[in-house]
Amino acid sequence: MNKKSKITENATPATELFPMPPALLKIPRKLNPQARTYRASVYCAGSRGLMNFLIPLGIQAFKIGVTGCISPQARIEDLRRKGYANLWGPVDGTLEDCRSLDQAEEWFLMPWREHDLADFVLPEGIHLVDGALEVELPFGIHVEDLDRAVHGLLAPRALDKFLASAEGRKRLEKTGFEPQGFEIKTKYTLMEVTDRLSAVREIYITRPRIELRAFVNALEKARWALIENLRKERANG
């Protein structure tokens, strides 16, 4: 019979290190394993810098985004940290060619409120929670799928498209900004890679609270289109 080594003999029993059975994990609020669904949040965010830039143009615009985070506030913090949409510069320019937008790092959640809905009843599967719209989706539909759908339905309101239009150029010229070939950008700092400039494409001209009901109606149609596509995919094997 083999003798036990001193290490084995003096080892702490596994049950003392890892009591069995382990404590049950708390199921996240946005996850429903029984129904095989989860919730993704659609949020609206604004920035002081964006307001300063757009008010002289006679428009207002906000970032409409989609996140799987428990709270959209985490995304707002991310926008601040990255300095999202904080530069104005030529399409093919370098960082040195850009100018910073004052207060562009001051991002905030633009919360939707119950009274913005008036007597409108939210459709089944869409909920207003902490200023954002939570959309119930079945497993099999990814957050990125909803993200693409939301940006597709808002595409006609894209700020970058308006600024490149004849009307947009006219307003830019009147306010002293370059009327053509310029855009709002974000500088992304990547590990061991030269800073990358990226054009901002997810800011939309909207009056978020006034237009909430119309947005919800469009969002509901987009949600059902995703669900129907998933059903067809599963039916076709």
C-alpha atoms as a PDB file:
ATOM      1  CA  MET A   1       0.000   0.000   0.000  1.00  0.00           C
ATOM      2  CA  ASN A   2       1.380   3.417  -1.007  1.00  0.00           C
ATOM      3  CA  LYS A   3       2.084   5.818   1.768  1.00  0.00           C
ATOM      4  CA  LYS A   4       0.446   9.244   1.562  1.00  0.00           C
ATOM      5  CA  SER A   5       2.852  12.121   0.980  1.00  0.00           C
ATOM      6  CA  LYS A   6       3.020  14.837   3.587  1.00  0.00           C
ATOM      7  CA  ILE A   7       1.464  17.255   1.060  1.00  0.00           C
ATOM      8  CA  THR A   8      -1.514  14.954   0.530  1.00  0.00           C
ATOM      9  CA  GLU A   9      -1.800  14.141   4.196  1.00  0.00           C
ATOM     10  CA  ASN A  10      -1.888  17.790   5.223  1.00  0.00           C
ATOM     11  CA  ALA A  11      -4.088  19.001   2.354  1.00  0.00           C
ATOM     12  CA  THR A  12      -7.261  20.869   3.202  1.00  0.00           C
ATOM     13  CA  PRO A  13     -10.323  18.781   2.277  1.00  0.00           C
ATOM     14  CA  ALA A  14     -11.980  19.995  -0.939  1.00  0.00           C
ATOM     15  CA  THR A  15     -15.295  20.403   0.845  1.00  0.00           C
ATOM     16  CA  GLU A  16     -13.752  23.082   3.063  1.00  0.00           C
ATOM     17  CA  LEU A  17     -12.473  25.040   0.062  1.00  0.00           C
ATOM     18  CA  PHE A  18     -15.533  24.590  -2.123  1.00  0.00           C
ATOM     19  CA  PRO A  19     -18.632  23.741  -0.060  1.00  0.00           C
ATOM     20  CA  MET A  20     -21.015  21.521  -1.960  1.00  0.00           C
ATOM     21  CA  PRO A  21     -23.479  22.151  -3.394  1.00  0.00           C
ATOM     22  CA  PRO A  22     -22.420  25.653  -4.520  1.00  0.00           C
ATOM     23  CA  ALA A  23     -24.713  28.578  -3.872  1.00  0.00           C
ATOM     24  CA  LEU A  24     -27.235  29.168  -6.663  1.00  0.00           C
ATOM     25  CA  LEU A  25     -26.503  32.131  -8.873  1.00  0.00           C
ATOM     26  CA  LYS A  26     -29.082  34.873  -9.010  1.00  0.00           C
ATOM     27  CA  ILE A  27     -30.680  34.904 -12.452  1.00  0.00           C
ATOM     28  CA  PRO A  28     -30.222  38.350 -14.053  1.00  0.00           C
ATOM     29  CA  ARG A  29     -33.417  40.370 -14.244  1.00  0.00           C
ATOM     30  CA  LYS A  30     -33.224  40.628 -18.042  1.00  0.00           C
ATOM     31  CA  LEU A  31     -32.999  36.864 -18.557  1.00  0.00           C
ATOM     32  CA  ASN A  32     -35.949  34.435 -18.547  1.00  0.00           C
ATOM     33  CA  PRO A  33     -34.629  30.865 -18.942  1.00  0.00           C
ATOM     34  CA  GLN A  34     -38.103  29.310 -18.645  1.00  0.00           C
ATOM     35  CA  ALA A  35     -39.481  31.321 -21.559  1.00  0.00           C
ATOM     36  CA  ARG A  36     -36.095  31.175 -23.345  1.00  0.00           C
ATOM     37  CA  THR A  37     -36.092  34.938 -23.764  1.00  0.00           C
ATOM     38  CA  TYR A  38     -33.967  37.875 -22.693  1.00  0.00           C
ATOM     39  CA  ARG A  39     -34.244  41.651 -22.845  1.00  0.00           C
ATOM     40  CA  ALA A  40     -32.052  44.073 -24.788  1.00  0.00           C
ATOM     41  CA  SER A  41     -32.189  47.791 -23.992  1.00  0.00           C
ATOM     42  CA  VAL A  42     -32.688  50.550 -26.547  1.00  0.00           C
ATOM     43  CA  TYR A  43     -31.459  53.838 -25.110  1.00  0.00           C
ATOM     44  CA  CYS A  44     -31.207  57.477 -26.138  1.00  0.00           C
ATOM     45  CA  ALA A  45     -28.136  59.539 -25.260  1.00  0.00           C
ATOM     46  CA  GLY A  46     -27.098  63.128 -25.821  1.00  0.00           C
ATOM     47  CA  SER A  47     -23.983  65.181 -25.223  1.00  0.00           C
ATOM     48  CA  ARG A  48     -23.357  68.823 -24.373  1.00  0.00           C
ATOM     49  CA  GLY A  49     -20.850  69.046 -27.186  1.00  0.00           C
ATOM     50  CA  LEU A  50     -23.337  67.726 -29.709  1.00  0.00           C
ATOM     51  CA  MET A  51     -25.923  70.236 -28.490  1.00  0.00           C
ATOM     52  CA  ASN A  52     -23.434  73.114 -28.765  1.00  0.00           C
ATOM     53  CA  PHE A  53     -22.608  72.049 -32.327  1.00  0.00           C
ATOM     54  CA  LEU A  54     -26.175  71.453 -33.545  1.00  0.00           C
ATOM     55  CA  ILE A  55     -28.277  74.193 -31.922  1.00  0.00           C
ATOM     56  CA  PRO A  56     -26.850  76.886 -34.281  1.00  0.00           C
ATOM     57  CA  LEU A  57     -27.866  74.599 -37.155  1.00  0.00           C
ATOM     58  CA  GLY A  58     -31.445  74.578 -35.881  1.00  0.00           C
ATOM     59  CA  ILE A  59     -31.572  70.837 -35.209  1.00  0.00           C
ATOM     60  CA  GLN A  60     -31.159  68.396 -32.354  1.00  0.00           C
ATOM     61  CA  ALA A  61     -29.804  64.885 -32.596  1.00  0.00           C
ATOM     62  CA  PHE A  62     -29.097  61.994 -30.262  1.00  0.00           C
ATOM     63  CA  LYS A  63     -27.346  58.669 -30.251  1.00  0.00           C
ATOM     64  CA  ILE A  64     -29.850  55.828 -30.285  1.00  0.00           C
ATOM     65  CA  GLY A  65     -28.145  52.610 -29.252  1.00  0.00           C
ATOM     66  CA  VAL A  66     -28.830  49.013 -28.264  1.00  0.00           C
ATOM     67  CA  THR A  67     -27.110  47.171 -25.434  1.00  0.00           C
ATOM     68  CA  GLY A  68     -27.319  43.881 -23.590  1.00  0.00           C
ATOM     69  CA  CYS A  69     -25.919  45.467 -20.410  1.00  0.00           C
ATOM     70  CA  ILE A  70     -28.067  45.355 -17.291  1.00  0.00           C
ATOM     71  CA  SER A  71     -28.191  49.160 -17.324  1.00  0.00           C
ATOM     72  CA  PRO A  72     -27.728  51.528 -20.312  1.00  0.00           C
ATOM     73  CA  GLN A  73     -25.814  53.789 -17.939  1.00  0.00           C
ATOM     74  CA  ALA A  74     -22.808  51.526 -18.502  1.00  0.00           C
ATOM     75  CA  ARG A  75     -22.898  52.475 -22.180  1.00  0.00           C
ATOM     76  CA  ILE A  76     -23.134  56.175 -21.301  1.00  0.00           C
ATOM     77  CA  GLU A  77     -19.971  55.818 -19.219  1.00  0.00           C
ATOM     78  CA  ASP A  78     -18.332  54.084 -22.175  1.00  0.00           C
ATOM     79  CA  LEU A  79     -19.241  56.973 -24.503  1.00  0.00           C
ATOM     80  CA  ARG A  80     -17.648  59.410 -22.056  1.00  0.00           C
ATOM     81  CA  ARG A  81     -14.522  57.318 -21.670  1.00  0.00           C
ATOM     82  CA  LYS A  82     -14.041  56.928 -25.423  1.00  0.00           C
ATOM     83  CA  GLY A  83     -14.766  60.563 -26.209  1.00  0.00           C
ATOM     84  CA  TYR A  84     -17.432  59.463 -28.668  1.00  0.00           C
ATOM     85  CA  ALA A  85     -18.287  62.047 -31.372  1.00  0.00           C
ATOM     86  CA  ASN A  86     -15.844  64.596 -29.981  1.00  0.00           C
ATOM     87  CA  LEU A  87     -14.134  65.677 -33.215  1.00  0.00           C
ATOM     88  CA  TRP A  88     -15.008  67.585 -36.391  1.00  0.00           C
ATOM     89  CA  GLY A  89     -12.655  66.963 -39.270  1.00  0.00           C
ATOM     90  CA  PRO A  90     -12.180  66.201 -42.971  1.00  0.00           C
ATOM     91  CA  VAL A  91     -13.361  62.833 -44.254  1.00  0.00           C
ATOM     92  CA  ASP A  92      -9.860  61.645 -45.157  1.00  0.00           C
ATOM     93  CA  GLY A  93      -8.002  63.786 -42.642  1.00  0.00           C
ATOM     94  CA  THR A  94      -5.708  62.939 -39.756  1.00  0.00           C
ATOM     95  CA  LEU A  95      -6.119  63.725 -36.079  1.00  0.00           C
ATOM     96  CA  GLU A  96      -4.116  66.917 -36.563  1.00  0.00           C
ATOM     97  CA  ASP A  97      -6.690  68.098 -39.127  1.00  0.00           C
ATOM     98  CA  CYS A  98      -9.593  67.813 -36.647  1.00  0.00           C
ATOM     99  CA  ARG A  99     -10.934  70.241 -34.120  1.00  0.00           C
ATOM    100  CA  SER A 100     -12.425  69.192 -30.800  1.00  0.00           C
ATOM    101  CA  LEU A 101     -16.059  69.897 -29.994  1.00  0.00           C
ATOM    102  CA  ASP A 102     -16.312  71.639 -26.624  1.00  0.00           C
ATOM    103  CA  GLN A 103     -17.914  69.536 -23.857  1.00  0.00           C
ATOM    104  CA  ALA A 104     -18.186  66.563 -26.207  1.00  0.00           C
ATOM    105  CA  GLU A 105     -17.256  64.165 -23.400  1.00  0.00           C
ATOM    106  CA  GLU A 106     -20.327  65.187 -21.372  1.00  0.00           C
ATOM    107  CA  TRP A 107     -22.648  62.374 -22.451  1.00  0.00           C
ATOM    108  CA  PHE A 108     -25.893  61.774 -20.591  1.00  0.00           C
ATOM    109  CA  LEU A 109     -28.875  59.447 -20.795  1.00  0.00           C
ATOM    110  CA  MET A 110     -31.900  61.147 -22.349  1.00  0.00           C
ATOM    111  CA  PRO A 111     -34.533  59.143 -20.491  1.00  0.00           C
ATOM    112  CA  TRP A 112     -37.892  58.307 -21.992  1.00  0.00           C
ATOM    113  CA  ARG A 113     -40.685  58.778 -19.452  1.00  0.00           C
ATOM    114  CA  GLU A 114     -44.106  57.284 -18.873  1.00  0.00           C
ATOM    115  CA  HIS A 115     -45.848  60.592 -19.519  1.00  0.00           C
ATOM    116  CA  ASP A 116     -44.115  60.860 -22.903  1.00  0.00           C
ATOM    117  CA  LEU A 117     -46.433  58.029 -23.932  1.00  0.00           C
ATOM    118  CA  ALA A 118     -49.574  59.911 -22.813  1.00  0.00           C
ATOM    119  CA  ASP A 119     -52.413  57.386 -23.283  1.00  0.00           C
ATOM    120  CA  PHE A 120     -50.362  55.125 -25.546  1.00  0.00           C
ATOM    121  CA  VAL A 121     -50.023  51.545 -24.251  1.00  0.00           C
ATOM    122  CA  LEU A 122     -46.724  49.829 -24.868  1.00  0.00           C
ATOM    123  CA  PRO A 123     -47.100  46.650 -26.940  1.00  0.00           C
ATOM    124  CA  GLU A 124     -46.420  43.268 -25.405  1.00  0.00           C
ATOM    125  CA  GLY A 125     -42.706  42.554 -25.378  1.00  0.00           C
ATOM    126  CA  ILE A 126     -41.571  46.178 -24.999  1.00  0.00           C
ATOM    127  CA  HIS A 127     -41.121  47.738 -21.558  1.00  0.00           C
ATOM    128  CA  LEU A 128     -40.061  51.146 -20.294  1.00  0.00           C
ATOM    129  CA  VAL A 129     -37.505  50.642 -17.508  1.00  0.00           C
ATOM    130  CA  ASP A 130     -35.244  53.308 -16.004  1.00  0.00           C
ATOM    131  CA  GLY A 131     -35.579  55.602 -19.007  1.00  0.00           C
ATOM    132  CA  ALA A 132     -34.833  52.986 -21.677  1.00  0.00           C
ATOM    133  CA  LEU A 133     -36.942  50.613 -23.759  1.00  0.00           C
ATOM    134  CA  GLU A 134     -36.387  46.956 -22.939  1.00  0.00           C
ATOM    135  CA  VAL A 135     -37.224  44.648 -25.833  1.00  0.00           C
ATOM    136  CA  GLU A 136     -37.959  40.966 -25.183  1.00  0.00           C
ATOM    137  CA  LEU A 137     -36.239  38.676 -27.654  1.00  0.00           C
ATOM    138  CA  PRO A 138     -36.119  34.890 -27.921  1.00  0.00           C
ATOM    139  CA  PHE A 139     -32.817  33.069 -27.636  1.00  0.00           C
ATOM    140  CA  GLY A 140     -31.455  32.864 -31.160  1.00  0.00           C
ATOM    141  CA  ILE A 141     -31.846  36.574 -31.882  1.00  0.00           C
ATOM    142  CA  HIS A 142     -28.684  38.433 -30.929  1.00  0.00           C
ATOM    143  CA  VAL A 143     -28.356  41.950 -29.547  1.00  0.00           C
ATOM    144  CA  GLU A 144     -26.487  42.809 -32.760  1.00  0.00           C
ATOM    145  CA  ASP A 145     -29.539  41.742 -34.800  1.00  0.00           C
ATOM    146  CA  LEU A 146     -31.738  44.230 -32.967  1.00  0.00           C
ATOM    147  CA  ASP A 147     -28.995  46.851 -33.220  1.00  0.00           C
ATOM    148  CA  ARG A 148     -28.897  46.526 -37.021  1.00  0.00           C
ATOM    149  CA  ALA A 149     -32.701  46.629 -37.200  1.00  0.00           C
ATOM    150  CA  VAL A 150     -32.884  49.824 -35.108  1.00  0.00           C
ATOM    151  CA  HIS A 151     -30.239  51.581 -37.182  1.00  0.00           C
ATOM    152  CA  GLY A 152     -32.008  50.455 -40.341  1.00  0.00           C
ATOM    153  CA  LEU A 153     -35.295  52.042 -39.337  1.00  0.00           C
ATOM    154  CA  LEU A 154     -33.561  55.256 -38.226  1.00  0.00           C
ATOM    155  CA  ALA A 155     -31.322  55.528 -41.306  1.00  0.00           C
ATOM    156  CA  PRO A 156     -33.413  58.300 -42.952  1.00  0.00           C
ATOM    157  CA  ARG A 157     -32.745  60.456 -39.868  1.00  0.00           C
ATOM    158  CA  ALA A 158     -28.967  59.924 -39.811  1.00  0.00           C
ATOM    159  CA  LEU A 159     -27.145  63.120 -38.870  1.00  0.00           C
ATOM    160  CA  ASP A 160     -24.171  62.427 -41.144  1.00  0.00           C
ATOM    161  CA  LYS A 161     -26.473  62.158 -44.166  1.00  0.00           C
ATOM    162  CA  PHE A 162     -28.177  65.442 -43.324  1.00  0.00           C
ATOM    163  CA  LEU A 163     -24.874  67.300 -42.870  1.00  0.00           C
ATOM    164  CA  ALA A 164     -23.769  66.048 -46.309  1.00  0.00           C
ATOM    165  CA  SER A 165     -27.008  67.209 -47.962  1.00  0.00           C
ATOM    166  CA  ALA A 166     -27.476  70.563 -49.692  1.00  0.00           C
ATOM    167  CA  GLU A 167     -29.527  71.884 -46.756  1.00  0.00           C
ATOM    168  CA  GLY A 168     -26.991  70.634 -44.248  1.00  0.00           C
ATOM    169  CA  ARG A 169     -24.084  72.256 -46.097  1.00  0.00           C
ATOM    170  CA  LYS A 170     -25.977  75.538 -46.272  1.00  0.00           C
ATOM    171  CA  ARG A 171     -26.535  75.571 -42.505  1.00  0.00           C
ATOM    172  CA  LEU A 172     -22.933  74.617 -41.768  1.00  0.00           C
ATOM    173  CA  GLU A 173     -21.649  77.473 -43.908  1.00  0.00           C
ATOM    174  CA  LYS A 174     -23.872  79.986 -42.136  1.00  0.00           C
ATOM    175  CA  THR A 175     -22.519  78.937 -38.746  1.00  0.00           C
ATOM    176  CA  GLY A 176     -18.842  79.027 -39.700  1.00  0.00           C
ATOM    177  CA  PHE A 177     -18.226  75.302 -40.057  1.00  0.00           C
ATOM    178  CA  GLU A 178     -16.728  73.776 -43.178  1.00  0.00           C
ATOM    179  CA  PRO A 179     -19.717  73.076 -45.449  1.00  0.00           C
ATOM    180  CA  GLN A 180     -18.375  70.099 -47.369  1.00  0.00           C
ATOM    181  CA  GLY A 181     -16.094  67.100 -46.910  1.00  0.00           C
ATOM    182  CA  PHE A 182     -16.149  67.228 -43.097  1.00  0.00           C
ATOM    183  CA  GLU A 183     -17.794  64.917 -40.569  1.00  0.00           C
ATOM    184  CA  ILE A 184     -18.116  64.136 -36.864  1.00  0.00           C
ATOM    185  CA  LYS A 185     -15.512  61.612 -35.747  1.00  0.00           C
ATOM    186  CA  THR A 186     -14.348  59.544 -32.774  1.00  0.00           C
ATOM    187  CA  LYS A 187     -10.726  58.776 -31.974  1.00  0.00           C
ATOM    188  CA  TYR A 188     -10.250  55.181 -30.880  1.00  0.00           C
ATOM    189  CA  THR A 189      -7.021  54.299 -29.129  1.00  0.00           C
ATOM    190  CA  LEU A 190      -6.135  50.665 -29.810  1.00  0.00           C
ATOM    191  CA  MET A 191      -3.481  48.664 -28.008  1.00  0.00           C
ATOM    192  CA  GLU A 192      -0.121  48.923 -29.807  1.00  0.00           C
ATOM    193  CA  VAL A 193      -1.832  50.442 -32.847  1.00  0.00           C
ATOM    194  CA  THR A 194      -1.858  54.018 -34.114  1.00  0.00           C
ATOM    195  CA  ASP A 195      -4.949  55.962 -33.052  1.00  0.00           C
ATOM    196  CA  ARG A 196      -7.814  55.317 -35.455  1.00  0.00           C
ATOM    197  CA  LEU A 197     -10.380  57.905 -36.503  1.00  0.00           C
ATOM    198  CA  SER A 198     -13.864  56.620 -37.188  1.00  0.00           C
ATOM    199  CA  ALA A 199     -16.824  58.506 -38.659  1.00  0.00           C
ATOM    200  CA  VAL A 200     -19.862  58.659 -36.387  1.00  0.00           C
ATOM    201  CA  ARG A 201     -22.873  56.978 -37.996  1.00  0.00           C
ATOM    202  CA  GLU A 202     -25.263  56.302 -35.111  1.00  0.00           C
ATOM    203  CA  ILE A 203     -26.541  59.776 -34.299  1.00  0.00           C
ATOM    204  CA  TYR A 204     -30.004  60.663 -35.510  1.00  0.00           C
ATOM    205  CA  ILE A 205     -32.055  63.828 -35.889  1.00  0.00           C
ATOM    206  CA  THR A 206     -34.995  63.223 -33.608  1.00  0.00           C
ATOM    207  CA  ARG A 207     -37.154  64.679 -30.876  1.00  0.00           C
ATOM    208  CA  PRO A 208     -36.958  61.558 -28.707  1.00  0.00           C
ATOM    209  CA  ARG A 209     -39.715  62.303 -26.227  1.00  0.00           C
ATOM    210  CA  ILE A 210     -42.187  63.824 -28.678  1.00  0.00           C
ATOM    211  CA  GLU A 211     -41.617  61.000 -31.161  1.00  0.00           C
ATOM    212  CA  LEU A 212     -41.534  58.163 -28.647  1.00  0.00           C
ATOM    213  CA  ARG A 213     -44.837  56.596 -29.692  1.00  0.00           C
ATOM    214  CA  ALA A 214     -43.888  56.550 -33.379  1.00  0.00           C
ATOM    215  CA  PHE A 215     -40.513  55.062 -32.496  1.00  0.00           C
ATOM    216  CA  VAL A 216     -42.115  52.323 -30.379  1.00  0.00           C
ATOM    217  CA  ASN A 217     -44.463  51.417 -33.236  1.00  0.00           C
ATOM    218  CA  ALA A 218     -41.510  51.075 -35.602  1.00  0.00           C
ATOM    219  CA  LEU A 219     -39.544  49.140 -32.973  1.00  0.00           C
ATOM    220  CA  GLU A 220     -42.401  46.689 -32.499  1.00  0.00           C
ATOM    221  CA  LYS A 221     -42.523  45.969 -36.241  1.00  0.00           C
ATOM    222  CA  ALA A 222     -38.750  45.448 -36.289  1.00  0.00           C
ATOM    223  CA  ARG A 223     -39.000  43.068 -33.314  1.00  0.00           C
ATOM    224  CA  TRP A 224     -41.699  40.942 -34.966  1.00  0.00           C
ATOM    225  CA  ALA A 225     -39.738  40.837 -38.222  1.00  0.00           C
ATOM    226  CA  LEU A 226     -36.752  39.416 -36.333  1.00  0.00           C
ATOM    227  CA  ILE A 227     -38.940  36.850 -34.569  1.00  0.00           C
ATOM    228  CA  GLU A 228     -40.557  35.801 -37.855  1.00  0.00           C
ATOM    229  CA  ASN A 229     -37.149  35.420 -39.525  1.00  0.00           C
ATOM    230  CA  LEU A 230     -35.987  33.241 -36.645  1.00  0.00           C
ATOM    231  CA  ARG A 231     -39.133  31.090 -36.903  1.00  0.00           C
ATOM    232  CA  LYS A 232     -38.542  30.551 -40.632  1.00  0.00           C
ATOM    233  CA  GLU A 233     -34.897  29.657 -40.073  1.00  0.00           C
ATOM    234  CA  ARG A 234     -35.842  27.052 -37.484  1.00  0.00           C
ATOM    235  CA  ALA A 235     -38.622  25.654 -39.688  1.00  0.00           C
ATOM    236  CA  ASN A 236     -36.186  25.238 -42.567  1.00  0.00           C
ATOM    237  CA  GLY A 237     -33.750  23.425 -40.330  1.00  0.00           C
END
